[in-house]
């Protein structure tokens, strides 16, 4: 799936990147809304060391994600997403 997403990404040049920290209670609604407008392969969440159920929600919803074991900050989350996109 990663290679498929990357080949599409290279041709369109767009990725929706969502850094998330302790966002469990918002994820179901956010993911549902994003899926109305964005193909799943162009959507990436970065779990920034959340201590709530954020990682579980990402897995439950079957979205692409990167997960840090501890909080590294928004900048590190964005950089990881940019690296993924490149």
PDB file of N, CA and C in Angstrom:
ATOM      1  N   UNK A   1       0.823  -1.199   0.000  1.00  0.00           N
ATOM      2  CA  UNK A   1       0.000   0.000   0.000  1.00  0.00           C
ATOM      3  C   UNK A   1       0.861   1.254   0.000  1.00  0.00           C
ATOM      4  N   UNK A   2       1.993   1.207   0.698  1.00  0.00           N
ATOM      5  CA  UNK A   2       2.861   2.376   0.783  1.00  0.00           C
ATOM      6  C   UNK A   2       3.363   2.768  -0.601  1.00  0.00           C
ATOM      7  N   UNK A   3       3.843   1.790  -1.394  1.00  0.00           N
ATOM      8  CA  UNK A   3       4.356   2.099  -2.725  1.00  0.00           C
ATOM      9  C   UNK A   3       3.247   2.612  -3.629  1.00  0.00           C
ATOM     10  N   UNK A   4       2.061   2.013  -3.513  1.00  0.00           N
ATOM     11  CA  UNK A   4       0.925   2.471  -4.313  1.00  0.00           C
ATOM     12  C   UNK A   4       0.598   3.919  -3.979  1.00  0.00           C
ATOM     13  N   UNK A   5       0.537   4.237  -2.699  1.00  0.00           N
ATOM     14  CA  UNK A   5       0.241   5.607  -2.285  1.00  0.00           C
ATOM     15  C   UNK A   5       1.310   6.547  -2.792  1.00  0.00           C
ATOM     16  N   UNK A   6       2.563   6.141  -2.716  1.00  0.00           N
ATOM     17  CA  UNK A   6       3.642   7.018  -3.127  1.00  0.00           C
ATOM     18  C   UNK A   6       3.614   7.259  -4.634  1.00  0.00           C
ATOM     19  N   UNK A   7       3.255   6.246  -5.447  1.00  0.00           N
ATOM     20  CA  UNK A   7       3.219   6.464  -6.881  1.00  0.00           C
ATOM     21  C   UNK A   7       2.111   7.452  -7.240  1.00  0.00           C
ATOM     22  N   UNK A   8       0.961   7.363  -6.568  1.00  0.00           N
ATOM     23  CA  UNK A   8      -0.106   8.321  -6.797  1.00  0.00           C
ATOM     24  C   UNK A   8       0.298   9.697  -6.289  1.00  0.00           C
ATOM     25  N   UNK A   9       0.942   9.738  -5.162  1.00  0.00           N
ATOM     26  CA  UNK A   9       1.363  10.999  -4.568  1.00  0.00           C
ATOM     27  C   UNK A   9       2.332  11.716  -5.488  1.00  0.00           C
ATOM     28  N   UNK A  10       3.243  10.972  -6.088  1.00  0.00           N
ATOM     29  CA  UNK A  10       4.223  11.590  -6.980  1.00  0.00           C
ATOM     30  C   UNK A  10       3.540  12.224  -8.184  1.00  0.00           C
ATOM     31  N   UNK A  11       2.456  11.610  -8.679  1.00  0.00           N
ATOM     32  CA  UNK A  11       1.799  12.187  -9.840  1.00  0.00           C
ATOM     33  C   UNK A  11       0.886  13.353  -9.503  1.00  0.00           C
ATOM     34  N   UNK A  12       0.361  13.399  -8.287  1.00  0.00           N
ATOM     35  CA  UNK A  12      -0.535  14.483  -7.923  1.00  0.00           C
ATOM     36  C   UNK A  12       0.118  15.524  -7.016  1.00  0.00           C
ATOM     37  N   UNK A  13       1.105  15.116  -6.232  1.00  0.00           N
ATOM     38  CA  UNK A  13       1.825  16.044  -5.384  1.00  0.00           C
ATOM     39  C   UNK A  13       1.049  16.564  -4.187  1.00  0.00           C
ATOM     40  N   UNK A  14       0.116  15.780  -3.642  1.00  0.00           N
ATOM     41  CA  UNK A  14      -0.673  16.247  -2.501  1.00  0.00           C
ATOM     42  C   UNK A  14      -0.784  15.149  -1.452  1.00  0.00           C
ATOM     43  N   UNK A  15      -0.695  15.576  -0.203  1.00  0.00           N
ATOM     44  CA  UNK A  15      -0.880  14.684   0.928  1.00  0.00           C
ATOM     45  C   UNK A  15      -1.509  15.498   2.039  1.00  0.00           C
ATOM     46  N   UNK A  16      -2.550  14.970   2.661  1.00  0.00           N
ATOM     47  CA  UNK A  16      -3.132  15.625   3.831  1.00  0.00           C
ATOM     48  C   UNK A  16      -2.442  15.018   5.038  1.00  0.00           C
ATOM     49  N   UNK A  17      -1.721  15.853   5.766  1.00  0.00           N
ATOM     50  CA  UNK A  17      -0.918  15.439   6.904  1.00  0.00           C
ATOM     51  C   UNK A  17      -1.552  15.984   8.179  1.00  0.00           C
ATOM     52  N   UNK A  18      -1.854  15.082   9.116  1.00  0.00           N
ATOM     53  CA  UNK A  18      -2.524  15.483  10.352  1.00  0.00           C
ATOM     54  C   UNK A  18      -1.678  15.061  11.554  1.00  0.00           C
ATOM     55  N   UNK A  19      -0.964  16.003  12.187  1.00  0.00           N
ATOM     56  CA  UNK A  19      -0.285  15.658  13.433  1.00  0.00           C
ATOM     57  C   UNK A  19      -1.334  15.512  14.531  1.00  0.00           C
ATOM     58  N   UNK A  20      -1.180  14.502  15.372  1.00  0.00           N
ATOM     59  CA  UNK A  20      -2.196  14.252  16.402  1.00  0.00           C
ATOM     60  C   UNK A  20      -1.539  13.952  17.739  1.00  0.00           C
ATOM     61  N   UNK A  21      -1.990  14.651  18.764  1.00  0.00           N
ATOM     62  CA  UNK A  21      -1.523  14.391  20.126  1.00  0.00           C
ATOM     63  C   UNK A  21      -2.737  14.357  21.042  1.00  0.00           C
ATOM     64  N   UNK A  22      -2.975  13.202  21.643  1.00  0.00           N
ATOM     65  CA  UNK A  22      -4.136  12.995  22.512  1.00  0.00           C
ATOM     66  C   UNK A  22      -5.434  13.477  21.856  1.00  0.00           C
ATOM     67  N   UNK A  23      -5.649  13.002  20.640  1.00  0.00           N
ATOM     68  CA  UNK A  23      -6.792  13.435  19.829  1.00  0.00           C
ATOM     69  C   UNK A  23      -7.876  12.368  19.709  1.00  0.00           C
ATOM     70  N   UNK A  24      -7.826  11.360  20.545  1.00  0.00           N
ATOM     71  CA  UNK A  24      -8.742  10.218  20.436  1.00  0.00           C
ATOM     72  C   UNK A  24     -10.197  10.639  20.254  1.00  0.00           C
ATOM     73  N   UNK A  25     -10.667  11.549  21.064  1.00  0.00           N
ATOM     74  CA  UNK A  25     -12.097  11.884  21.033  1.00  0.00           C
ATOM     75  C   UNK A  25     -12.538  12.592  19.751  1.00  0.00           C
ATOM     76  N   UNK A  26     -11.599  13.090  18.961  1.00  0.00           N
ATOM     77  CA  UNK A  26     -11.946  13.813  17.736  1.00  0.00           C
ATOM     78  C   UNK A  26     -11.730  12.988  16.464  1.00  0.00           C
ATOM     79  N   UNK A  27     -11.014  11.889  16.567  1.00  0.00           N
ATOM     80  CA  UNK A  27     -10.557  11.200  15.366  1.00  0.00           C
ATOM     81  C   UNK A  27     -11.659  10.564  14.536  1.00  0.00           C
ATOM     82  N   UNK A  28     -12.639   9.922  15.142  1.00  0.00           N
ATOM     83  CA  UNK A  28     -13.689   9.276  14.350  1.00  0.00           C
ATOM     84  C   UNK A  28     -14.365  10.285  13.424  1.00  0.00           C
ATOM     85  N   UNK A  29     -14.765  11.415  13.980  1.00  0.00           N
ATOM     86  CA  UNK A  29     -15.445  12.433  13.171  1.00  0.00           C
ATOM     87  C   UNK A  29     -14.499  13.048  12.139  1.00  0.00           C
ATOM     88  N   UNK A  30     -13.268  13.348  12.540  1.00  0.00           N
ATOM     89  CA  UNK A  30     -12.315  13.951  11.609  1.00  0.00           C
ATOM     90  C   UNK A  30     -12.014  13.023  10.440  1.00  0.00           C
ATOM     91  N   UNK A  31     -11.768  11.768  10.727  1.00  0.00           N
ATOM     92  CA  UNK A  31     -11.464  10.811   9.667  1.00  0.00           C
ATOM     93  C   UNK A  31     -12.654  10.648   8.732  1.00  0.00           C
ATOM     94  N   UNK A  32     -13.840  10.565   9.286  1.00  0.00           N
ATOM     95  CA  UNK A  32     -15.046  10.454   8.451  1.00  0.00           C
ATOM     96  C   UNK A  32     -15.166  11.663   7.515  1.00  0.00           C
ATOM     97  N   UNK A  33     -14.957  12.847   8.046  1.00  0.00           N
ATOM     98  CA  UNK A  33     -15.059  14.055   7.217  1.00  0.00           C
ATOM     99  C   UNK A  33     -13.961  14.118   6.163  1.00  0.00           C
ATOM    100  N   UNK A  34     -12.748  13.764   6.545  1.00  0.00           N
ATOM    101  CA  UNK A  34     -11.654  13.797   5.576  1.00  0.00           C
ATOM    102  C   UNK A  34     -11.879  12.802   4.452  1.00  0.00           C
ATOM    103  N   UNK A  35     -12.426  11.643   4.766  1.00  0.00           N
ATOM    104  CA  UNK A  35     -12.672  10.625   3.737  1.00  0.00           C
ATOM    105  C   UNK A  35     -13.707  11.068   2.709  1.00  0.00           C
ATOM    106  N   UNK A  36     -14.510  12.044   3.057  1.00  0.00           N
ATOM    107  CA  UNK A  36     -15.477  12.583   2.089  1.00  0.00           C
ATOM    108  C   UNK A  36     -14.771  13.369   0.984  1.00  0.00           C
ATOM    109  N   UNK A  37     -13.559  13.834   1.261  1.00  0.00           N
ATOM    110  CA  UNK A  37     -12.864  14.727   0.328  1.00  0.00           C
ATOM    111  C   UNK A  37     -11.486  14.239  -0.108  1.00  0.00           C
ATOM    112  N   UNK A  38     -10.930  13.262   0.607  1.00  0.00           N
ATOM    113  CA  UNK A  38      -9.559  12.829   0.357  1.00  0.00           C
ATOM    114  C   UNK A  38      -9.517  11.311   0.221  1.00  0.00           C
ATOM    115  N   UNK A  39      -8.829  10.820  -0.807  1.00  0.00           N
ATOM    116  CA  UNK A  39      -8.626   9.377  -0.948  1.00  0.00           C
ATOM    117  C   UNK A  39      -7.755   8.893   0.208  1.00  0.00           C
ATOM    118  N   UNK A  40      -8.048   7.731   0.760  1.00  0.00           N
ATOM    119  CA  UNK A  40      -7.311   7.242   1.925  1.00  0.00           C
ATOM    120  C   UNK A  40      -5.796   7.206   1.737  1.00  0.00           C
ATOM    121  N   UNK A  41      -5.325   6.903   0.521  1.00  0.00           N
ATOM    122  CA  UNK A  41      -3.879   6.834   0.319  1.00  0.00           C
ATOM    123  C   UNK A  41      -3.198   8.199   0.350  1.00  0.00           C
ATOM    124  N   UNK A  42      -3.972   9.278   0.319  1.00  0.00           N
ATOM    125  CA  UNK A  42      -3.407  10.625   0.387  1.00  0.00           C
ATOM    126  C   UNK A  42      -3.574  11.245   1.775  1.00  0.00           C
ATOM    127  N   UNK A  43      -3.860  10.415   2.745  1.00  0.00           N
ATOM    128  CA  UNK A  43      -4.109  10.865   4.108  1.00  0.00           C
ATOM    129  C   UNK A  43      -3.094  10.204   5.037  1.00  0.00           C
ATOM    130  N   UNK A  44      -2.424  11.016   5.860  1.00  0.00           N
ATOM    131  CA  UNK A  44      -1.438  10.493   6.800  1.00  0.00           C
ATOM    132  C   UNK A  44      -1.584  11.181   8.145  1.00  0.00           C
ATOM    133  N   UNK A  45      -1.684  10.386   9.195  1.00  0.00           N
ATOM    134  CA  UNK A  45      -1.714  10.904  10.561  1.00  0.00           C
ATOM    135  C   UNK A  45      -0.369  10.605  11.210  1.00  0.00           C
ATOM    136  N   UNK A  46       0.092  11.511  12.049  1.00  0.00           N
ATOM    137  CA  UNK A  46       1.296  11.271  12.841  1.00  0.00           C
ATOM    138  C   UNK A  46       0.895  11.353  14.307  1.00  0.00           C
ATOM    139  N   UNK A  47       0.907  10.202  14.961  1.00  0.00           N
ATOM    140  CA  UNK A  47       0.608  10.135  16.387  1.00  0.00           C
ATOM    141  C   UNK A  47       1.872  10.560  17.134  1.00  0.00           C
ATOM    142  N   UNK A  48       1.801  11.686  17.789  1.00  0.00           N
ATOM    143  CA  UNK A  48       2.969  12.276  18.438  1.00  0.00           C
ATOM    144  C   UNK A  48       3.066  11.858  19.905  1.00  0.00           C
ATOM    145  N   UNK A  49       3.172  10.541  20.144  1.00  0.00           N
ATOM    146  CA  UNK A  49       3.355  10.037  21.501  1.00  0.00           C
ATOM    147  C   UNK A  49       2.151  10.208  22.400  1.00  0.00           C
ATOM    148  N   UNK A  50       0.969  10.132  21.840  1.00  0.00           N
ATOM    149  CA  UNK A  50      -0.263  10.299  22.624  1.00  0.00           C
ATOM    150  C   UNK A  50      -0.334   9.301  23.771  1.00  0.00           C
ATOM    151  N   UNK A  51      -0.923   9.747  24.873  1.00  0.00           N
ATOM    152  CA  UNK A  51      -1.091   8.875  26.041  1.00  0.00           C
ATOM    153  C   UNK A  51      -2.531   8.402  26.202  1.00  0.00           C
ATOM    154  N   UNK A  52      -3.411   8.842  25.310  1.00  0.00           N
ATOM    155  CA  UNK A  52      -4.793   8.370  25.324  1.00  0.00           C
ATOM    156  C   UNK A  52      -4.930   7.270  24.272  1.00  0.00           C
ATOM    157  N   UNK A  53      -6.087   7.058  23.720  1.00  0.00           N
ATOM    158  CA  UNK A  53      -6.314   5.997  22.752  1.00  0.00           C
ATOM    159  C   UNK A  53      -6.154   6.418  21.303  1.00  0.00           C
ATOM    160  N   UNK A  54      -5.379   7.464  21.045  1.00  0.00           N
ATOM    161  CA  UNK A  54      -5.204   7.958  19.675  1.00  0.00           C
ATOM    162  C   UNK A  54      -4.694   6.865  18.740  1.00  0.00           C
ATOM    163  N   UNK A  55      -3.648   6.162  19.123  1.00  0.00           N
ATOM    164  CA  UNK A  55      -3.088   5.125  18.262  1.00  0.00           C
ATOM    165  C   UNK A  55      -4.119   4.039  17.966  1.00  0.00           C
ATOM    166  N   UNK A  56      -4.869   3.634  18.964  1.00  0.00           N
ATOM    167  CA  UNK A  56      -5.909   2.629  18.760  1.00  0.00           C
ATOM    168  C   UNK A  56      -6.961   3.091  17.767  1.00  0.00           C
ATOM    169  N   UNK A  57      -7.355   4.354  17.850  1.00  0.00           N
ATOM    170  CA  UNK A  57      -8.354   4.903  16.921  1.00  0.00           C
ATOM    171  C   UNK A  57      -7.815   4.920  15.495  1.00  0.00           C
ATOM    172  N   UNK A  58      -6.549   5.260  15.328  1.00  0.00           N
ATOM    173  CA  UNK A  58      -5.956   5.268  13.989  1.00  0.00           C
ATOM    174  C   UNK A  58      -5.958   3.860  13.407  1.00  0.00           C
ATOM    175  N   UNK A  59      -5.575   2.884  14.221  1.00  0.00           N
ATOM    176  CA  UNK A  59      -5.584   1.485  13.768  1.00  0.00           C
ATOM    177  C   UNK A  59      -7.007   1.033  13.450  1.00  0.00           C
ATOM    178  N   UNK A  60      -7.935   1.368  14.333  1.00  0.00           N
ATOM    179  CA  UNK A  60      -9.347   0.984  14.175  1.00  0.00           C
ATOM    180  C   UNK A  60      -9.928   1.527  12.877  1.00  0.00           C
ATOM    181  N   UNK A  61      -9.528   2.746  12.513  1.00  0.00           N
ATOM    182  CA  UNK A  61     -10.053   3.389  11.309  1.00  0.00           C
ATOM    183  C   UNK A  61      -9.280   3.010  10.049  1.00  0.00           C
ATOM    184  N   UNK A  62      -8.195   2.276  10.193  1.00  0.00           N
ATOM    185  CA  UNK A  62      -7.451   1.788   9.039  1.00  0.00           C
ATOM    186  C   UNK A  62      -6.786   2.862   8.202  1.00  0.00           C
ATOM    187  N   UNK A  63      -6.349   3.940   8.831  1.00  0.00           N
ATOM    188  CA  UNK A  63      -5.691   5.020   8.090  1.00  0.00           C
ATOM    189  C   UNK A  63      -4.176   4.836   8.118  1.00  0.00           C
ATOM    190  N   UNK A  64      -3.488   5.475   7.190  1.00  0.00           N
ATOM    191  CA  UNK A  64      -2.028   5.496   7.203  1.00  0.00           C
ATOM    192  C   UNK A  64      -1.570   6.329   8.388  1.00  0.00           C
ATOM    193  N   UNK A  65      -0.564   5.841   9.089  1.00  0.00           N
ATOM    194  CA  UNK A  65      -0.074   6.617  10.228  1.00  0.00           C
ATOM    195  C   UNK A  65       1.382   6.305  10.507  1.00  0.00           C
ATOM    196  N   UNK A  66       2.005   7.250  11.174  1.00  0.00           N
ATOM    197  CA  UNK A  66       3.324   7.100  11.773  1.00  0.00           C
ATOM    198  C   UNK A  66       3.078   7.325  13.252  1.00  0.00           C
ATOM    199  N   UNK A  67       3.761   6.578  14.109  1.00  0.00           N
ATOM    200  CA  UNK A  67       3.535   6.740  15.540  1.00  0.00           C
ATOM    201  C   UNK A  67       4.865   6.867  16.280  1.00  0.00           C
ATOM    202  N   UNK A  68       4.989   7.908  17.078  1.00  0.00           N
ATOM    203  CA  UNK A  68       6.157   8.096  17.941  1.00  0.00           C
ATOM    204  C   UNK A  68       5.845   7.508  19.312  1.00  0.00           C
ATOM    205  N   UNK A  69       6.820   6.858  19.955  1.00  0.00           N
ATOM    206  CA  UNK A  69       6.584   6.302  21.292  1.00  0.00           C
ATOM    207  C   UNK A  69       6.481   7.376  22.375  1.00  0.00           C
ATOM    208  N   UNK A  70       7.055   8.551  22.116  1.00  0.00           N
ATOM    209  CA  UNK A  70       6.947   9.660  23.070  1.00  0.00           C
ATOM    210  C   UNK A  70       6.691  10.951  22.294  1.00  0.00           C
ATOM    211  N   UNK A  71       6.203  11.949  22.993  1.00  0.00           N
ATOM    212  CA  UNK A  71       5.892  13.233  22.371  1.00  0.00           C
ATOM    213  C   UNK A  71       7.180  13.918  21.948  1.00  0.00           C
ATOM    214  N   UNK A  72       7.229  14.293  20.661  1.00  0.00           N
ATOM    215  CA  UNK A  72       8.415  14.965  20.119  1.00  0.00           C
ATOM    216  C   UNK A  72       8.101  16.388  19.673  1.00  0.00           C
ATOM    217  N   UNK A  73       6.826  16.738  19.671  1.00  0.00           N
ATOM    218  CA  UNK A  73       6.430  18.079  19.262  1.00  0.00           C
ATOM    219  C   UNK A  73       5.900  18.119  17.837  1.00  0.00           C
ATOM    220  N   UNK A  74       5.144  19.158  17.560  1.00  0.00           N
ATOM    221  CA  UNK A  74       4.488  19.300  16.256  1.00  0.00           C
ATOM    222  C   UNK A  74       5.492  19.354  15.108  1.00  0.00           C
ATOM    223  N   UNK A  75       6.612  20.045  15.323  1.00  0.00           N
ATOM    224  CA  UNK A  75       7.621  20.155  14.263  1.00  0.00           C
ATOM    225  C   UNK A  75       8.161  18.798  13.850  1.00  0.00           C
ATOM    226  N   UNK A  76       8.450  17.945  14.809  1.00  0.00           N
ATOM    227  CA  UNK A  76       8.950  16.598  14.506  1.00  0.00           C
ATOM    228  C   UNK A  76       7.881  15.767  13.803  1.00  0.00           C
ATOM    229  N   UNK A  77       6.636  15.932  14.219  1.00  0.00           N
ATOM    230  CA  UNK A  77       5.536  15.213  13.572  1.00  0.00           C
ATOM    231  C   UNK A  77       5.399  15.651  12.116  1.00  0.00           C
ATOM    232  N   UNK A  78       5.461  16.950  11.888  1.00  0.00           N
ATOM    233  CA  UNK A  78       5.374  17.450  10.511  1.00  0.00           C
ATOM    234  C   UNK A  78       6.559  16.978   9.677  1.00  0.00           C
ATOM    235  N   UNK A  79       7.749  17.026  10.239  1.00  0.00           N
ATOM    236  CA  UNK A  79       8.941  16.570   9.501  1.00  0.00           C
ATOM    237  C   UNK A  79       8.804  15.103   9.112  1.00  0.00           C
ATOM    238  N   UNK A  80       8.320  14.272  10.025  1.00  0.00           N
ATOM    239  CA  UNK A  80       8.123  12.847   9.702  1.00  0.00           C
ATOM    240  C   UNK A  80       7.136  12.694   8.547  1.00  0.00           C
ATOM    241  N   UNK A  81       6.080  13.496   8.559  1.00  0.00           N
ATOM    242  CA  UNK A  81       5.104  13.462   7.466  1.00  0.00           C
ATOM    243  C   UNK A  81       5.707  13.942   6.157  1.00  0.00           C
ATOM    244  N   UNK A  82       6.521  14.981   6.211  1.00  0.00           N
ATOM    245  CA  UNK A  82       7.182  15.481   4.997  1.00  0.00           C
ATOM    246  C   UNK A  82       8.140  14.433   4.443  1.00  0.00           C
ATOM    247  N   UNK A  83       8.885  13.776   5.332  1.00  0.00           N
ATOM    248  CA  UNK A  83       9.793  12.713   4.899  1.00  0.00           C
ATOM    249  C   UNK A  83       9.027  11.580   4.222  1.00  0.00           C
ATOM    250  N   UNK A  84       7.888  11.221   4.773  1.00  0.00           N
ATOM    251  CA  UNK A  84       7.027  10.193   4.192  1.00  0.00           C
ATOM    252  C   UNK A  84       6.593  10.620   2.787  1.00  0.00           C
ATOM    253  N   UNK A  85       6.207  11.870   2.649  1.00  0.00           N
ATOM    254  CA  UNK A  85       5.710  12.359   1.360  1.00  0.00           C
ATOM    255  C   UNK A  85       6.808  12.387   0.300  1.00  0.00           C
ATOM    256  N   UNK A  86       8.003  12.725   0.714  1.00  0.00           N
ATOM    257  CA  UNK A  86       9.121  12.815  -0.234  1.00  0.00           C
ATOM    258  C   UNK A  86       9.545  11.424  -0.651  1.00  0.00           C
TER     259      UNK A  86
END
